Protein backbone atom coordinates (compact mmCIF):
# COMPACT_ATOMS: atom_id res chain seq x y z
CA MET A 1 97.75 86.33 141.88
CA ALA A 2 101.26 85.23 140.82
CA MET A 3 99.94 84.27 137.39
CA ARG A 4 98.50 87.77 136.91
CA GLY A 5 101.87 89.26 137.84
CA GLU A 6 103.61 87.01 135.30
CA HIS A 7 101.03 88.00 132.70
CA TRP A 8 101.77 91.70 133.15
CA PHE A 9 105.51 91.01 133.32
CA ARG A 10 105.27 89.41 129.84
CA ARG A 11 103.25 92.36 128.58
CA CYS A 12 105.84 94.87 129.86
CA ILE A 13 108.70 92.95 128.22
CA HIS A 14 106.73 92.94 124.97
CA LEU A 15 106.19 96.68 125.10
CA CYS A 16 109.94 97.27 125.52
CA THR A 17 110.96 95.27 122.42
CA PRO A 18 111.36 98.38 120.19
CA LEU A 19 114.38 99.35 122.30
CA PHE A 20 116.32 96.67 120.39
CA LEU A 21 115.99 98.80 117.26
CA PHE A 22 118.96 100.76 118.60
CA TYR A 23 121.01 98.01 116.95
CA TYR A 24 120.72 99.95 113.71
CA TRP A 25 122.49 102.97 115.23
CA MET A 26 125.22 101.07 117.04
CA PRO A 27 128.73 101.69 115.73
CA SER A 28 130.59 98.96 113.93
CA PRO A 29 133.03 97.99 115.29
CA LEU A 30 131.33 98.28 118.66
CA TRP A 31 134.43 100.01 120.07
CA SER A 32 137.84 100.84 118.72
CA GLY A 33 139.49 97.55 117.84
CA GLY A 34 136.41 95.63 119.01
CA PRO A 35 134.12 93.25 117.19
CA GLU A 36 131.78 94.28 114.40
CA LYS A 37 128.20 94.74 115.55
CA ILE A 38 127.08 91.71 113.53
CA GLN A 39 129.48 89.58 115.59
CA GLY A 40 127.97 91.01 118.76
CA LEU A 41 124.53 90.12 117.42
CA PHE A 42 125.57 86.50 116.91
CA VAL A 43 127.15 86.35 120.38
CA ILE A 44 123.92 87.57 121.99
CA LEU A 45 121.86 85.16 119.90
CA GLY A 46 124.22 82.36 120.90
CA ILE A 47 123.77 83.23 124.58
CA VAL A 48 119.99 83.11 124.14
CA TYR A 49 120.19 79.68 122.48
CA VAL A 50 122.60 78.28 125.10
CA PHE A 51 120.28 79.51 127.85
CA GLU A 52 117.33 77.94 126.02
CA ALA A 53 119.17 74.63 125.65
CA PHE A 54 119.93 74.66 129.38
CA ARG A 55 116.36 75.62 130.25
CA LEU A 56 114.84 72.91 128.06
CA SER A 57 117.23 70.19 129.22
CA SER A 58 116.82 71.06 132.89
CA LYS A 59 113.04 71.49 132.54
CA ALA A 60 113.36 74.68 134.58
CA ARG A 61 110.46 77.08 134.62
CA TYR A 62 111.09 80.80 134.83
CA PRO A 63 108.76 83.66 135.72
CA GLY A 64 106.72 84.89 132.80
CA MET A 65 106.82 81.65 130.83
CA ARG A 66 103.67 80.11 129.49
CA HIS A 67 102.87 76.47 130.14
CA TYR A 68 103.39 75.38 126.52
CA GLU A 69 106.88 76.93 126.50
CA GLU A 70 108.10 74.29 128.94
CA THR A 71 108.73 71.86 126.06
CA ARG A 72 109.62 74.20 123.19
CA LEU A 73 111.56 77.36 122.45
CA ALA A 74 110.24 80.19 124.57
CA SER A 75 108.77 83.28 122.97
CA TYR A 76 111.76 85.44 123.92
CA ALA A 77 114.05 83.09 121.93
CA TRP A 78 111.70 83.32 118.95
CA ALA A 79 111.61 87.12 119.30
CA ALA A 80 115.42 87.27 119.47
CA THR A 81 115.59 85.13 116.33
CA GLY A 82 113.08 87.34 114.55
CA LEU A 83 114.97 90.48 115.52
CA ALA A 84 118.24 88.97 114.26
CA VAL A 85 116.60 88.04 110.95
CA LEU A 86 115.38 91.63 110.58
CA PHE A 87 118.70 93.18 111.55
CA LEU A 88 120.49 91.04 108.98
CA SER A 89 118.02 91.43 106.13
CA VAL A 90 116.02 94.67 106.14
CA PRO A 91 116.76 98.34 106.73
CA VAL A 92 115.54 100.16 109.81
CA GLU A 93 112.73 101.74 107.76
CA ILE A 94 111.15 98.29 107.30
CA ALA A 95 112.11 96.81 110.67
CA THR A 96 110.68 99.65 112.75
CA PRO A 97 106.98 99.26 111.88
CA VAL A 98 107.00 95.48 112.26
CA VAL A 99 108.92 95.48 115.55
CA ILE A 100 106.67 98.16 117.03
CA GLY A 101 103.62 96.35 115.66
CA MET A 102 104.63 93.05 117.24
CA ALA A 103 105.62 94.72 120.50
CA TRP A 104 102.50 96.80 120.98
CA VAL A 105 99.73 95.22 118.93
CA ASP A 106 100.36 91.57 119.85
CA PRO A 107 99.67 92.20 123.57
CA LEU A 108 96.59 94.23 122.64
CA ILE A 109 95.33 91.31 120.55
CA GLY A 110 95.89 88.96 123.48
CA GLU A 111 93.95 91.20 125.84
CA MET A 112 91.09 91.72 123.40
CA ARG A 113 90.78 88.06 122.45
CA GLY A 114 91.01 87.01 126.09
CA ARG A 115 88.07 89.24 126.95
CA GLY A 116 86.07 88.33 123.86
CA ASN A 117 86.10 91.93 122.69
CA PRO A 118 83.95 92.31 119.55
CA ASP A 119 86.33 94.97 118.19
CA TYR A 120 88.97 92.31 117.50
CA PRO A 121 90.47 92.22 114.85
CA SER A 122 89.44 95.65 113.50
CA VAL A 123 90.95 97.74 116.33
CA PRO A 124 94.34 95.92 116.31
CA MET A 125 94.50 96.30 112.50
CA ALA A 126 93.73 100.02 112.76
CA ILE A 127 96.31 100.57 115.49
CA TYR A 128 98.93 98.57 113.58
CA PHE A 129 98.16 100.66 110.49
CA VAL A 130 98.64 103.93 112.42
CA LEU A 131 101.92 102.68 113.94
CA ALA A 132 103.23 101.43 110.58
CA LEU A 133 102.16 104.57 108.74
CA THR A 134 103.65 106.86 111.38
CA SER A 135 106.98 105.06 111.62
CA MET A 136 107.46 104.70 107.86
CA THR A 137 106.42 108.31 107.27
CA TYR A 138 109.10 109.32 109.76
CA PHE A 139 111.71 107.67 107.54
CA TYR A 140 110.28 108.16 104.04
CA GLY A 141 108.17 111.28 104.48
CA PRO A 142 104.55 111.53 103.37
CA ASP A 143 104.27 109.17 100.42
CA ILE A 144 101.39 107.16 98.96
CA ARG A 145 103.71 104.14 98.75
CA VAL A 146 104.04 104.19 102.53
CA VAL A 147 100.25 104.19 102.83
CA VAL A 148 100.01 101.19 100.50
CA ILE A 149 102.62 99.22 102.47
CA ALA A 150 100.92 100.04 105.79
CA LEU A 151 97.54 99.01 104.33
CA VAL A 152 98.96 95.65 103.23
CA ILE A 153 101.01 94.71 106.29
CA SER A 154 98.45 95.72 108.92
CA PRO A 155 95.86 93.00 108.23
CA LEU A 156 98.68 90.59 107.36
CA ALA A 157 100.33 91.04 110.77
CA VAL A 158 97.04 90.53 112.63
CA TRP A 159 96.26 87.47 110.48
CA VAL A 160 99.75 86.01 111.06
CA GLU A 161 99.41 86.49 114.82
CA ALA A 162 96.31 84.28 114.86
CA ARG A 163 97.93 81.41 112.93
CA ARG A 164 99.49 78.46 114.69
CA TRP A 165 102.20 77.15 112.40
CA TRP A 166 103.88 74.11 113.86
CA LYS A 167 105.93 75.46 116.78
CA LEU A 168 106.67 78.89 115.34
CA ASP A 169 105.85 81.62 117.81
CA ASP A 170 103.87 84.67 116.78
CA ASP A 171 106.64 86.90 118.19
CA PHE A 172 108.74 85.60 115.27
CA THR A 173 106.14 85.39 112.53
CA MET A 174 104.55 88.75 113.36
CA MET A 175 107.88 90.43 112.59
CA VAL A 176 109.38 88.33 109.82
CA VAL A 177 106.34 87.79 107.57
CA PRO A 178 105.20 91.47 107.43
CA ALA A 179 108.85 92.59 107.06
CA ALA A 180 109.34 90.28 104.08
CA VAL A 181 106.20 91.59 102.40
CA ALA A 182 106.97 95.22 103.26
CA GLY A 183 110.52 94.80 102.00
CA VAL A 184 109.40 93.34 98.69
CA LEU A 185 106.76 96.06 98.25
CA ALA A 186 109.24 98.81 99.16
CA TRP A 187 111.72 97.39 96.65
CA ILE A 188 109.09 97.08 93.88
CA MET A 189 107.91 100.64 94.52
CA GLY A 190 111.44 102.03 94.61
CA LEU A 191 111.63 102.98 98.29
CA ILE A 192 114.67 100.77 98.92
């Protein structure tokens, strides 16, 4: 029963990841006379890495961790790294669809694959497409270029999630790879 609780705990954390997008609207400096928001980002990332170094060296296991994370960077550290890469390299218009996609579609993929659902991968791709199209339309308005980007990154994100590249976690790759492609496409098509 404890494992089921940890499973749903991980899912809930995943679903809350888009809250980190508020980084884009934070003031810089963070307060009058305070640090720039990019400095705050590096401090938080540093805290995550120090905690990870402690966790790995002490071989401690924390609730919500998967077995394979006991000897490598945990998914939350990969997600924090992916978010930092996005915050430093792409505008909110590109980060939003990939963060929401990773946060909401990745758990759906896990549930569907775990149950052997025959609608995988078509349903996750369709949902990712709707999320990407909706979020980019919010920023750019109705535009065929937005449709093209959503059509390209939706199957890409689902494909990337299924890949096992060395020790890279899908929480990282599912954000960074589609964001890179979306950013290049948006730049080529004149959206950014």
